[in-house]
N, C-alpha and C. Protein backbone atom coordinates (compact mmCIF):
# COMPACT_ATOMS: atom_id res chain seq x y z
N MET A 1 -7.05 19.76 -24.27
CA MET A 1 -5.91 18.87 -24.45
C MET A 1 -5.86 18.44 -25.91
N TYR A 2 -4.64 18.29 -26.40
CA TYR A 2 -4.47 17.77 -27.74
C TYR A 2 -5.04 16.35 -27.80
N MET A 3 -5.44 15.92 -28.98
CA MET A 3 -6.01 14.59 -29.14
C MET A 3 -5.23 13.81 -30.20
N ASP A 4 -5.34 12.51 -30.13
CA ASP A 4 -4.84 11.55 -31.11
C ASP A 4 -3.39 11.78 -31.50
N ASN A 5 -3.11 11.89 -32.83
CA ASN A 5 -1.72 11.92 -33.27
C ASN A 5 -0.99 13.18 -32.81
N LYS A 6 -1.70 14.29 -32.61
CA LYS A 6 -1.06 15.50 -32.10
C LYS A 6 -0.60 15.28 -30.66
N LEU A 7 -1.38 14.53 -29.89
CA LEU A 7 -1.02 14.22 -28.52
C LEU A 7 0.25 13.36 -28.49
N GLU A 8 0.33 12.39 -29.38
CA GLU A 8 1.52 11.54 -29.45
C GLU A 8 2.77 12.36 -29.74
N LYS A 9 2.67 13.30 -30.68
CA LYS A 9 3.81 14.16 -31.01
C LYS A 9 4.17 15.08 -29.85
N THR A 10 3.15 15.58 -29.17
CA THR A 10 3.37 16.50 -28.06
C THR A 10 4.08 15.80 -26.89
N LEU A 11 3.74 14.55 -26.63
CA LEU A 11 4.39 13.81 -25.54
C LEU A 11 5.90 13.71 -25.73
N LYS A 12 6.36 13.74 -26.97
CA LYS A 12 7.80 13.67 -27.25
C LYS A 12 8.53 14.91 -26.75
N LYS A 13 7.80 16.00 -26.52
CA LYS A 13 8.40 17.25 -26.04
C LYS A 13 8.59 17.27 -24.52
N ILE A 14 8.01 16.30 -23.83
CA ILE A 14 8.06 16.27 -22.37
C ILE A 14 9.16 15.33 -21.90
N GLN A 15 10.02 15.83 -21.02
CA GLN A 15 11.10 15.02 -20.48
C GLN A 15 10.58 14.17 -19.31
N PRO A 16 10.85 12.88 -19.32
CA PRO A 16 10.48 12.03 -18.19
C PRO A 16 11.27 12.42 -16.95
N ILE A 17 10.71 12.16 -15.79
CA ILE A 17 11.41 12.39 -14.53
C ILE A 17 11.60 11.05 -13.81
N PRO A 18 12.64 10.94 -12.98
CA PRO A 18 12.76 9.76 -12.12
C PRO A 18 11.79 9.90 -10.95
N PHE A 19 11.46 8.78 -10.35
CA PHE A 19 10.48 8.79 -9.26
C PHE A 19 10.87 7.71 -8.26
N THR A 20 11.10 8.10 -7.01
CA THR A 20 11.39 7.15 -5.94
C THR A 20 10.56 7.55 -4.74
N LYS A 21 9.69 6.66 -4.31
CA LYS A 21 8.80 7.00 -3.20
C LYS A 21 8.05 5.75 -2.74
N THR A 22 7.60 5.78 -1.49
CA THR A 22 6.66 4.77 -1.02
C THR A 22 5.26 5.33 -1.26
N MET A 23 4.42 4.53 -1.89
CA MET A 23 3.05 4.92 -2.20
C MET A 23 2.12 3.84 -1.64
N TYR A 24 0.83 4.10 -1.69
CA TYR A 24 -0.15 3.21 -1.06
C TYR A 24 -1.25 2.86 -2.05
N ARG A 25 -1.58 1.58 -2.07
CA ARG A 25 -2.60 1.08 -2.99
C ARG A 25 -3.72 0.45 -2.17
N ASN A 26 -4.94 0.82 -2.51
CA ASN A 26 -6.13 0.26 -1.89
C ASN A 26 -6.95 -0.34 -3.03
N SER A 27 -7.10 -1.65 -3.02
CA SER A 27 -7.71 -2.32 -4.17
C SER A 27 -8.80 -3.28 -3.74
N ASP A 28 -9.82 -3.36 -4.56
CA ASP A 28 -10.82 -4.42 -4.41
C ASP A 28 -10.06 -5.74 -4.55
N ILE A 29 -10.31 -6.65 -3.65
CA ILE A 29 -9.55 -7.90 -3.63
C ILE A 29 -9.66 -8.68 -4.94
N LYS A 30 -10.81 -8.58 -5.61
CA LYS A 30 -10.97 -9.34 -6.86
C LYS A 30 -10.01 -8.85 -7.94
N TYR A 31 -9.68 -7.56 -7.95
CA TYR A 31 -8.74 -7.04 -8.95
C TYR A 31 -7.30 -7.32 -8.55
N LEU A 32 -7.03 -7.28 -7.26
CA LEU A 32 -5.67 -7.51 -6.78
C LEU A 32 -5.20 -8.93 -7.07
N LEU A 33 -6.11 -9.89 -7.09
CA LEU A 33 -5.74 -11.29 -7.27
C LEU A 33 -5.78 -11.75 -8.72
N LEU A 34 -6.08 -10.85 -9.65
CA LEU A 34 -6.02 -11.20 -11.07
C LEU A 34 -4.55 -11.23 -11.50
N GLY A 35 -4.24 -12.03 -12.46
CA GLY A 35 -2.85 -12.10 -12.92
C GLY A 35 -2.03 -12.96 -11.98
N ASP A 36 -0.72 -12.91 -12.16
CA ASP A 36 0.16 -13.79 -11.40
C ASP A 36 0.74 -13.14 -10.15
N ASN A 37 0.44 -11.86 -9.91
CA ASN A 37 0.91 -11.19 -8.70
C ASN A 37 0.03 -9.97 -8.43
N PRO A 38 0.08 -9.41 -7.23
CA PRO A 38 -0.82 -8.30 -6.90
C PRO A 38 -0.50 -7.00 -7.63
N LEU A 39 0.59 -6.97 -8.38
CA LEU A 39 0.95 -5.77 -9.15
C LEU A 39 0.92 -6.03 -10.65
N SER A 40 0.15 -7.01 -11.07
CA SER A 40 0.08 -7.33 -12.50
C SER A 40 -0.66 -6.24 -13.28
N GLY A 41 -1.57 -5.54 -12.63
CA GLY A 41 -2.36 -4.52 -13.32
C GLY A 41 -3.49 -5.09 -14.16
N GLU A 42 -3.73 -6.39 -14.05
CA GLU A 42 -4.76 -7.04 -14.86
C GLU A 42 -6.17 -6.54 -14.54
N GLY A 43 -6.38 -6.02 -13.34
CA GLY A 43 -7.69 -5.49 -12.97
C GLY A 43 -8.13 -4.34 -13.86
N ALA A 44 -7.19 -3.64 -14.46
CA ALA A 44 -7.51 -2.51 -15.35
C ALA A 44 -8.26 -2.97 -16.59
N LYS A 45 -8.19 -4.24 -16.90
CA LYS A 45 -8.90 -4.77 -18.06
C LYS A 45 -10.36 -5.07 -17.75
N PHE A 46 -10.75 -4.85 -16.47
CA PHE A 46 -12.12 -5.13 -16.05
C PHE A 46 -12.85 -3.91 -15.50
N ALA A 47 -12.13 -2.82 -15.30
CA ALA A 47 -12.74 -1.60 -14.75
C ALA A 47 -12.02 -0.38 -15.32
N ASP A 48 -12.79 0.64 -15.69
CA ASP A 48 -12.20 1.88 -16.21
C ASP A 48 -11.58 2.68 -15.09
N GLY A 49 -10.64 3.56 -15.45
CA GLY A 49 -10.01 4.45 -14.49
C GLY A 49 -9.70 5.79 -15.13
N ARG A 50 -9.20 6.72 -14.35
CA ARG A 50 -8.93 8.08 -14.84
C ARG A 50 -8.04 8.08 -16.09
N PHE A 51 -7.04 7.21 -16.14
CA PHE A 51 -6.09 7.22 -17.26
C PHE A 51 -6.16 5.97 -18.13
N HIS A 52 -7.24 5.22 -18.04
CA HIS A 52 -7.37 4.06 -18.92
C HIS A 52 -8.84 3.67 -19.09
N LEU A 53 -9.12 3.02 -20.18
CA LEU A 53 -10.40 2.35 -20.40
C LEU A 53 -10.13 0.85 -20.42
N LYS A 54 -11.03 0.08 -19.86
CA LYS A 54 -10.82 -1.37 -19.88
C LYS A 54 -10.71 -1.88 -21.32
N SER A 55 -11.39 -1.21 -22.25
CA SER A 55 -11.33 -1.63 -23.66
C SER A 55 -9.96 -1.39 -24.29
N HIS A 56 -9.10 -0.58 -23.65
CA HIS A 56 -7.74 -0.38 -24.17
C HIS A 56 -6.89 -1.63 -23.99
N GLY A 57 -7.25 -2.49 -23.03
CA GLY A 57 -6.48 -3.71 -22.79
C GLY A 57 -5.12 -3.47 -22.17
N ILE A 58 -4.95 -2.32 -21.51
CA ILE A 58 -3.68 -1.96 -20.89
C ILE A 58 -3.65 -2.45 -19.45
N SER A 59 -2.55 -3.05 -19.05
CA SER A 59 -2.35 -3.40 -17.64
C SER A 59 -1.80 -2.17 -16.92
N CYS A 60 -2.47 -1.77 -15.85
CA CYS A 60 -1.99 -0.64 -15.04
C CYS A 60 -2.62 -0.72 -13.66
N TYR A 61 -2.04 0.01 -12.72
CA TYR A 61 -2.63 0.13 -11.39
C TYR A 61 -2.27 1.48 -10.82
N TYR A 62 -3.09 1.91 -9.86
CA TYR A 62 -2.98 3.24 -9.28
C TYR A 62 -2.52 3.15 -7.83
N ALA A 63 -1.82 4.18 -7.38
CA ALA A 63 -1.39 4.28 -5.98
C ALA A 63 -1.39 5.76 -5.60
N SER A 64 -1.41 6.02 -4.30
CA SER A 64 -1.49 7.39 -3.76
C SER A 64 -0.34 7.65 -2.80
N GLU A 65 -0.03 8.93 -2.60
CA GLU A 65 1.12 9.27 -1.76
C GLU A 65 0.89 9.05 -0.27
N ASP A 66 -0.36 8.93 0.15
CA ASP A 66 -0.60 8.58 1.55
C ASP A 66 -1.83 7.68 1.64
N MET A 67 -1.96 6.99 2.76
CA MET A 67 -3.04 6.01 2.87
C MET A 67 -4.42 6.65 2.86
N TYR A 68 -4.55 7.87 3.35
CA TYR A 68 -5.85 8.53 3.38
C TYR A 68 -6.32 8.90 1.98
N THR A 69 -5.40 9.37 1.17
CA THR A 69 -5.75 9.67 -0.22
C THR A 69 -6.12 8.39 -0.95
N SER A 70 -5.40 7.32 -0.69
CA SER A 70 -5.71 6.02 -1.29
C SER A 70 -7.14 5.59 -0.94
N LEU A 71 -7.52 5.78 0.30
CA LEU A 71 -8.88 5.45 0.71
C LEU A 71 -9.90 6.34 0.02
N ASP A 72 -9.64 7.65 0.01
CA ASP A 72 -10.57 8.59 -0.62
C ASP A 72 -10.75 8.29 -2.10
N GLU A 73 -9.69 7.89 -2.76
CA GLU A 73 -9.75 7.63 -4.20
C GLU A 73 -10.57 6.39 -4.55
N THR A 74 -10.65 5.44 -3.64
CA THR A 74 -11.19 4.13 -4.02
C THR A 74 -12.47 3.71 -3.32
N TYR A 75 -12.75 4.26 -2.17
CA TYR A 75 -13.94 3.80 -1.44
C TYR A 75 -15.19 4.52 -1.90
N PRO A 76 -16.33 3.82 -1.87
CA PRO A 76 -17.61 4.50 -2.08
C PRO A 76 -17.89 5.36 -0.85
N PRO A 77 -18.96 6.15 -0.88
CA PRO A 77 -19.29 6.93 0.32
C PRO A 77 -19.28 6.06 1.56
N ARG A 78 -18.86 6.65 2.66
CA ARG A 78 -18.64 5.89 3.90
C ARG A 78 -19.89 5.17 4.44
N ASP A 79 -21.06 5.62 4.06
CA ASP A 79 -22.27 4.99 4.60
C ASP A 79 -22.78 3.85 3.72
N GLN A 80 -22.03 3.47 2.70
CA GLN A 80 -22.45 2.37 1.83
C GLN A 80 -21.64 1.12 2.14
N ASN A 81 -22.24 -0.03 1.87
CA ASN A 81 -21.49 -1.28 1.96
C ASN A 81 -20.51 -1.35 0.79
N HIS A 82 -19.42 -2.07 0.98
CA HIS A 82 -18.46 -2.23 -0.09
C HIS A 82 -17.80 -3.59 0.03
N PRO A 83 -17.31 -4.13 -1.10
CA PRO A 83 -16.69 -5.45 -1.08
C PRO A 83 -15.35 -5.41 -0.36
N PRO A 84 -14.79 -6.57 -0.03
CA PRO A 84 -13.49 -6.62 0.65
C PRO A 84 -12.41 -5.91 -0.17
N ARG A 85 -11.52 -5.25 0.55
CA ARG A 85 -10.44 -4.51 -0.08
C ARG A 85 -9.12 -4.87 0.59
N VAL A 86 -8.03 -4.63 -0.12
CA VAL A 86 -6.70 -4.89 0.39
C VAL A 86 -5.90 -3.59 0.29
N PHE A 87 -5.20 -3.27 1.36
CA PHE A 87 -4.38 -2.06 1.43
C PHE A 87 -2.92 -2.50 1.47
N ILE A 88 -2.10 -2.01 0.54
CA ILE A 88 -0.69 -2.39 0.51
C ILE A 88 0.20 -1.15 0.34
N SER A 89 1.40 -1.25 0.89
CA SER A 89 2.43 -0.22 0.70
C SER A 89 3.34 -0.67 -0.44
N LEU A 90 3.68 0.27 -1.31
CA LEU A 90 4.54 -0.03 -2.45
C LEU A 90 5.82 0.78 -2.36
N VAL A 91 6.94 0.12 -2.51
CA VAL A 91 8.23 0.79 -2.60
C VAL A 91 8.52 0.92 -4.09
N ILE A 92 8.60 2.17 -4.56
CA ILE A 92 8.65 2.43 -6.00
C ILE A 92 9.95 3.15 -6.38
N GLN A 93 10.57 2.65 -7.43
CA GLN A 93 11.70 3.36 -8.04
C GLN A 93 11.53 3.24 -9.56
N LEU A 94 11.25 4.36 -10.18
CA LEU A 94 11.04 4.41 -11.63
C LEU A 94 11.98 5.43 -12.24
N GLY A 95 12.39 5.18 -13.45
CA GLY A 95 13.32 6.09 -14.11
C GLY A 95 12.68 7.02 -15.11
N SER A 96 11.40 6.77 -15.46
CA SER A 96 10.79 7.50 -16.57
C SER A 96 9.30 7.72 -16.33
N VAL A 97 8.97 8.85 -15.69
CA VAL A 97 7.57 9.13 -15.33
C VAL A 97 7.12 10.43 -16.00
N LEU A 98 5.90 10.42 -16.52
CA LEU A 98 5.26 11.63 -17.03
C LEU A 98 4.71 12.38 -15.83
N ASP A 99 5.22 13.58 -15.59
CA ASP A 99 4.85 14.36 -14.40
C ASP A 99 3.76 15.37 -14.72
N LEU A 100 2.52 15.02 -14.40
CA LEU A 100 1.40 15.94 -14.61
C LEU A 100 1.17 16.82 -13.39
N CYS A 101 2.08 16.78 -12.43
CA CYS A 101 2.05 17.73 -11.31
C CYS A 101 2.92 18.95 -11.64
N ASN A 102 3.61 18.89 -12.75
CA ASN A 102 4.43 19.99 -13.23
C ASN A 102 3.59 20.82 -14.21
N GLU A 103 3.24 22.03 -13.81
CA GLU A 103 2.34 22.86 -14.62
C GLU A 103 2.90 23.20 -15.99
N SER A 104 4.21 23.22 -16.16
CA SER A 104 4.75 23.50 -17.50
C SER A 104 4.37 22.38 -18.48
N ASN A 105 4.18 21.17 -17.97
CA ASN A 105 3.71 20.07 -18.83
C ASN A 105 2.25 20.26 -19.22
N TRP A 106 1.47 20.93 -18.38
CA TRP A 106 0.08 21.24 -18.75
C TRP A 106 0.07 22.14 -19.98
N ASP A 107 0.96 23.12 -19.97
CA ASP A 107 1.04 24.05 -21.11
C ASP A 107 1.41 23.31 -22.39
N ILE A 108 2.37 22.42 -22.30
CA ILE A 108 2.80 21.65 -23.47
C ILE A 108 1.64 20.81 -24.01
N LEU A 109 0.87 20.21 -23.11
CA LEU A 109 -0.25 19.34 -23.50
C LEU A 109 -1.54 20.11 -23.78
N GLN A 110 -1.53 21.43 -23.53
CA GLN A 110 -2.73 22.26 -23.68
C GLN A 110 -3.86 21.72 -22.80
N THR A 111 -3.55 21.50 -21.52
CA THR A 111 -4.54 21.00 -20.58
C THR A 111 -4.55 21.87 -19.34
N SER A 112 -5.36 21.49 -18.36
CA SER A 112 -5.51 22.29 -17.14
C SER A 112 -5.73 21.37 -15.94
N TYR A 113 -5.62 21.97 -14.77
CA TYR A 113 -5.91 21.23 -13.53
C TYR A 113 -7.33 20.67 -13.59
N GLN A 114 -8.28 21.48 -14.04
CA GLN A 114 -9.68 21.04 -14.11
C GLN A 114 -9.83 19.83 -15.03
N GLU A 115 -9.19 19.87 -16.19
CA GLU A 115 -9.32 18.75 -17.12
C GLU A 115 -8.67 17.49 -16.57
N LEU A 116 -7.55 17.65 -15.87
CA LEU A 116 -6.82 16.49 -15.34
C LEU A 116 -7.49 15.89 -14.10
N THR A 117 -8.22 16.70 -13.35
CA THR A 117 -8.84 16.21 -12.11
C THR A 117 -10.36 16.16 -12.18
N GLY A 118 -10.94 16.59 -13.28
CA GLY A 118 -12.40 16.62 -13.42
C GLY A 118 -13.00 15.23 -13.43
N ASN A 119 -14.31 15.18 -13.48
CA ASN A 119 -15.05 13.92 -13.42
C ASN A 119 -14.96 13.18 -14.75
N TRP A 120 -14.02 12.27 -14.86
CA TRP A 120 -13.83 11.49 -16.08
C TRP A 120 -15.00 10.56 -16.35
N LYS A 121 -15.76 10.21 -15.33
CA LYS A 121 -16.87 9.27 -15.52
C LYS A 121 -17.99 9.88 -16.36
N ASN A 122 -18.07 11.20 -16.44
CA ASN A 122 -19.10 11.85 -17.27
C ASN A 122 -18.90 11.54 -18.75
N HIS A 123 -17.73 11.13 -19.16
CA HIS A 123 -17.42 10.88 -20.57
C HIS A 123 -17.71 9.45 -21.00
N LEU A 124 -17.99 8.56 -20.08
CA LEU A 124 -18.03 7.13 -20.41
C LEU A 124 -19.10 6.74 -21.41
N ASN A 125 -20.20 7.48 -21.48
CA ASN A 125 -21.26 7.13 -22.43
C ASN A 125 -21.02 7.75 -23.80
N GLN A 126 -19.98 8.56 -23.94
CA GLN A 126 -19.70 9.22 -25.21
C GLN A 126 -18.30 8.79 -25.66
N THR A 127 -17.43 9.77 -25.78
CA THR A 127 -16.05 9.47 -26.16
C THR A 127 -15.22 9.27 -24.90
N PRO A 128 -14.04 8.70 -25.02
CA PRO A 128 -13.20 8.61 -23.82
C PRO A 128 -12.90 9.99 -23.26
N ALA A 129 -12.69 10.04 -21.95
CA ALA A 129 -12.29 11.30 -21.30
C ALA A 129 -10.91 11.69 -21.81
N PRO A 130 -10.59 12.99 -21.81
CA PRO A 130 -9.26 13.42 -22.25
C PRO A 130 -8.13 12.72 -21.49
N THR A 131 -8.32 12.48 -20.19
CA THR A 131 -7.27 11.81 -19.43
C THR A 131 -7.08 10.36 -19.89
N GLN A 132 -8.16 9.72 -20.31
CA GLN A 132 -8.05 8.34 -20.80
C GLN A 132 -7.32 8.30 -22.14
N LEU A 133 -7.56 9.29 -22.99
CA LEU A 133 -6.81 9.39 -24.24
C LEU A 133 -5.34 9.66 -23.97
N LEU A 134 -5.07 10.51 -22.97
CA LEU A 134 -3.69 10.80 -22.59
C LEU A 134 -3.00 9.55 -22.04
N GLY A 135 -3.70 8.79 -21.21
CA GLY A 135 -3.14 7.55 -20.68
C GLY A 135 -2.79 6.57 -21.78
N LYS A 136 -3.67 6.42 -22.75
CA LYS A 136 -3.42 5.50 -23.88
C LYS A 136 -2.24 5.98 -24.71
N ALA A 137 -2.19 7.29 -25.01
CA ALA A 137 -1.08 7.83 -25.79
C ALA A 137 0.24 7.69 -25.03
N THR A 138 0.20 7.90 -23.72
CA THR A 138 1.40 7.76 -22.89
C THR A 138 1.89 6.32 -22.94
N TYR A 139 0.98 5.38 -22.77
CA TYR A 139 1.33 3.96 -22.84
C TYR A 139 1.90 3.61 -24.22
N ASP A 140 1.20 4.04 -25.26
CA ASP A 140 1.62 3.71 -26.62
C ASP A 140 2.98 4.30 -26.98
N SER A 141 3.33 5.42 -26.36
CA SER A 141 4.62 6.06 -26.65
C SER A 141 5.79 5.19 -26.16
N GLN A 142 5.55 4.37 -25.15
CA GLN A 142 6.56 3.50 -24.55
C GLN A 142 7.73 4.28 -23.95
N ARG A 143 7.57 5.60 -23.75
CA ARG A 143 8.62 6.43 -23.16
C ARG A 143 8.50 6.52 -21.65
N PHE A 144 7.30 6.31 -21.14
CA PHE A 144 7.02 6.53 -19.73
C PHE A 144 6.55 5.23 -19.08
N GLU A 145 7.02 4.99 -17.86
CA GLU A 145 6.61 3.81 -17.10
C GLU A 145 5.36 4.09 -16.27
N ALA A 146 5.06 5.38 -16.08
CA ALA A 146 3.96 5.77 -15.20
C ALA A 146 3.60 7.22 -15.46
N ILE A 147 2.47 7.62 -14.87
CA ILE A 147 2.02 9.02 -14.90
C ILE A 147 1.79 9.45 -13.46
N GLN A 148 2.43 10.55 -13.06
CA GLN A 148 2.16 11.15 -11.74
C GLN A 148 1.15 12.27 -11.95
N PHE A 149 0.13 12.32 -11.08
CA PHE A 149 -0.93 13.31 -11.25
C PHE A 149 -1.54 13.66 -9.90
N TYR A 150 -2.24 14.79 -9.85
CA TYR A 150 -2.91 15.22 -8.62
C TYR A 150 -4.22 14.46 -8.42
N THR A 151 -4.54 14.21 -7.16
CA THR A 151 -5.83 13.61 -6.83
C THR A 151 -6.95 14.59 -7.13
N ALA A 152 -8.11 14.06 -7.41
CA ALA A 152 -9.30 14.89 -7.59
C ALA A 152 -10.06 15.02 -6.27
N LYS A 153 -9.54 14.39 -5.23
CA LYS A 153 -10.22 14.35 -3.93
C LYS A 153 -9.59 15.33 -2.95
N GLY A 154 -10.16 16.50 -2.81
CA GLY A 154 -9.71 17.44 -1.78
C GLY A 154 -8.38 18.09 -2.07
N GLU A 155 -7.54 18.16 -1.03
CA GLU A 155 -6.27 18.89 -1.15
C GLU A 155 -5.35 18.23 -2.18
N PRO A 156 -4.44 19.01 -2.76
CA PRO A 156 -3.61 18.48 -3.85
C PRO A 156 -2.56 17.47 -3.40
N LYS A 157 -2.96 16.25 -3.31
CA LYS A 157 -2.05 15.13 -3.05
C LYS A 157 -1.74 14.46 -4.39
N ARG A 158 -0.70 13.65 -4.38
CA ARG A 158 -0.27 13.03 -5.64
C ARG A 158 -0.63 11.55 -5.71
N ASN A 159 -0.97 11.15 -6.92
CA ASN A 159 -1.23 9.76 -7.26
C ASN A 159 -0.29 9.37 -8.39
N ILE A 160 -0.27 8.09 -8.66
CA ILE A 160 0.51 7.59 -9.79
C ILE A 160 -0.25 6.43 -10.41
N VAL A 161 -0.21 6.33 -11.72
CA VAL A 161 -0.69 5.15 -12.42
C VAL A 161 0.54 4.53 -13.07
N ILE A 162 0.75 3.26 -12.79
CA ILE A 162 1.95 2.54 -13.23
C ILE A 162 1.57 1.52 -14.30
N PHE A 163 2.37 1.47 -15.36
CA PHE A 163 2.21 0.49 -16.43
C PHE A 163 3.26 -0.60 -16.23
N PRO A 164 2.91 -1.70 -15.54
CA PRO A 164 3.93 -2.68 -15.14
C PRO A 164 4.70 -3.32 -16.29
N ASP A 165 4.07 -3.48 -17.44
CA ASP A 165 4.79 -4.11 -18.55
C ASP A 165 5.72 -3.14 -19.28
N LEU A 166 5.76 -1.87 -18.85
CA LEU A 166 6.68 -0.90 -19.45
C LEU A 166 7.87 -0.56 -18.55
N LEU A 167 7.98 -1.24 -17.39
CA LEU A 167 9.10 -0.94 -16.49
C LEU A 167 10.42 -1.26 -17.18
N LYS A 168 11.34 -0.32 -17.08
CA LYS A 168 12.64 -0.44 -17.72
C LYS A 168 13.68 -1.02 -16.75
N LYS A 169 14.83 -1.38 -17.26
CA LYS A 169 15.90 -1.91 -16.44
C LYS A 169 16.24 -0.92 -15.33
N GLY A 170 16.34 -1.41 -14.11
CA GLY A 170 16.65 -0.57 -12.95
C GLY A 170 15.43 -0.04 -12.23
N SER A 171 14.26 -0.14 -12.86
CA SER A 171 13.02 0.30 -12.23
C SER A 171 12.36 -0.87 -11.53
N PHE A 172 11.64 -0.57 -10.45
CA PHE A 172 10.92 -1.63 -9.75
C PHE A 172 9.77 -1.05 -8.93
N VAL A 173 8.81 -1.92 -8.67
CA VAL A 173 7.73 -1.64 -7.71
C VAL A 173 7.62 -2.90 -6.87
N ASN A 174 7.84 -2.77 -5.57
CA ASN A 174 7.77 -3.91 -4.67
C ASN A 174 6.71 -3.66 -3.61
N VAL A 175 5.99 -4.71 -3.29
CA VAL A 175 5.06 -4.65 -2.16
C VAL A 175 5.89 -4.73 -0.89
N TYR A 176 5.67 -3.80 0.03
CA TYR A 176 6.33 -3.89 1.33
C TYR A 176 5.61 -4.98 2.11
N ASP A 177 6.27 -6.11 2.25
CA ASP A 177 5.66 -7.30 2.84
C ASP A 177 6.74 -8.09 3.58
N PRO A 178 7.22 -7.55 4.72
CA PRO A 178 8.37 -8.17 5.40
C PRO A 178 8.12 -9.61 5.87
N ASP A 179 6.87 -9.99 6.09
CA ASP A 179 6.57 -11.34 6.56
C ASP A 179 6.18 -12.30 5.43
N GLY A 180 6.12 -11.81 4.20
CA GLY A 180 5.78 -12.67 3.08
C GLY A 180 4.33 -13.09 3.05
N GLY A 181 3.45 -12.35 3.70
CA GLY A 181 2.04 -12.72 3.78
C GLY A 181 1.33 -12.79 2.44
N ILE A 182 1.62 -11.86 1.54
CA ILE A 182 0.94 -11.87 0.25
C ILE A 182 1.35 -13.09 -0.56
N ASP A 183 2.63 -13.42 -0.57
CA ASP A 183 3.07 -14.63 -1.27
C ASP A 183 2.38 -15.86 -0.70
N LYS A 184 2.24 -15.90 0.62
CA LYS A 184 1.58 -17.06 1.24
C LYS A 184 0.11 -17.13 0.84
N ILE A 185 -0.56 -15.99 0.77
CA ILE A 185 -1.97 -15.98 0.35
C ILE A 185 -2.08 -16.45 -1.10
N LEU A 186 -1.23 -15.91 -1.97
CA LEU A 186 -1.28 -16.28 -3.38
C LEU A 186 -0.96 -17.75 -3.60
N LYS A 187 -0.13 -18.33 -2.75
CA LYS A 187 0.22 -19.75 -2.88
C LYS A 187 -0.74 -20.65 -2.11
N GLY A 188 -1.75 -20.07 -1.46
CA GLY A 188 -2.75 -20.86 -0.75
C GLY A 188 -2.30 -21.37 0.61
N VAL A 189 -1.23 -20.81 1.18
CA VAL A 189 -0.74 -21.26 2.48
C VAL A 189 -1.66 -20.78 3.59
N TYR A 190 -2.12 -19.52 3.51
CA TYR A 190 -3.09 -19.01 4.49
C TYR A 190 -4.48 -19.41 4.03
N LYS A 191 -5.28 -19.91 4.94
CA LYS A 191 -6.65 -20.30 4.57
C LYS A 191 -7.61 -19.74 5.57
């Protein structure tokens, strides 16, 4: 994959796509409750991810195209204990997404399926992973509201990382919450 300023120039060659879909987010409760709402993306400042480093200071959050992929992406092995988690459905409409599920964009970026889905955690003690550099360059370009990409877990399902502070007019991400339960929890009504 191209790096640094060449990556920034290369991103200008890629056309954003619109994105409308219901996706699923599975989050550690401590990250979900940071910020002023469950979609603030503030948790990204405390934990690294495939397309960001906490040191980048970028607000973002991840979601998957189905609940099973969401679970596979976020849970430790099934036989381990894990902290409380929250599962939410997101109704998403975005006008400007970087589509890394489109192989022609791989050619433009000089990347591959392996590089995009490989183990990014192996890079943490050295330089950032290529995907983390791509996430930072994508954010810095301010052209894209999100990145759509394939899961690294099993069959090729799709994930998305959303940059909430880059949402443009007409774009939205809403929690599907017909009873208002999340608002009640955040306001301390449920105890």
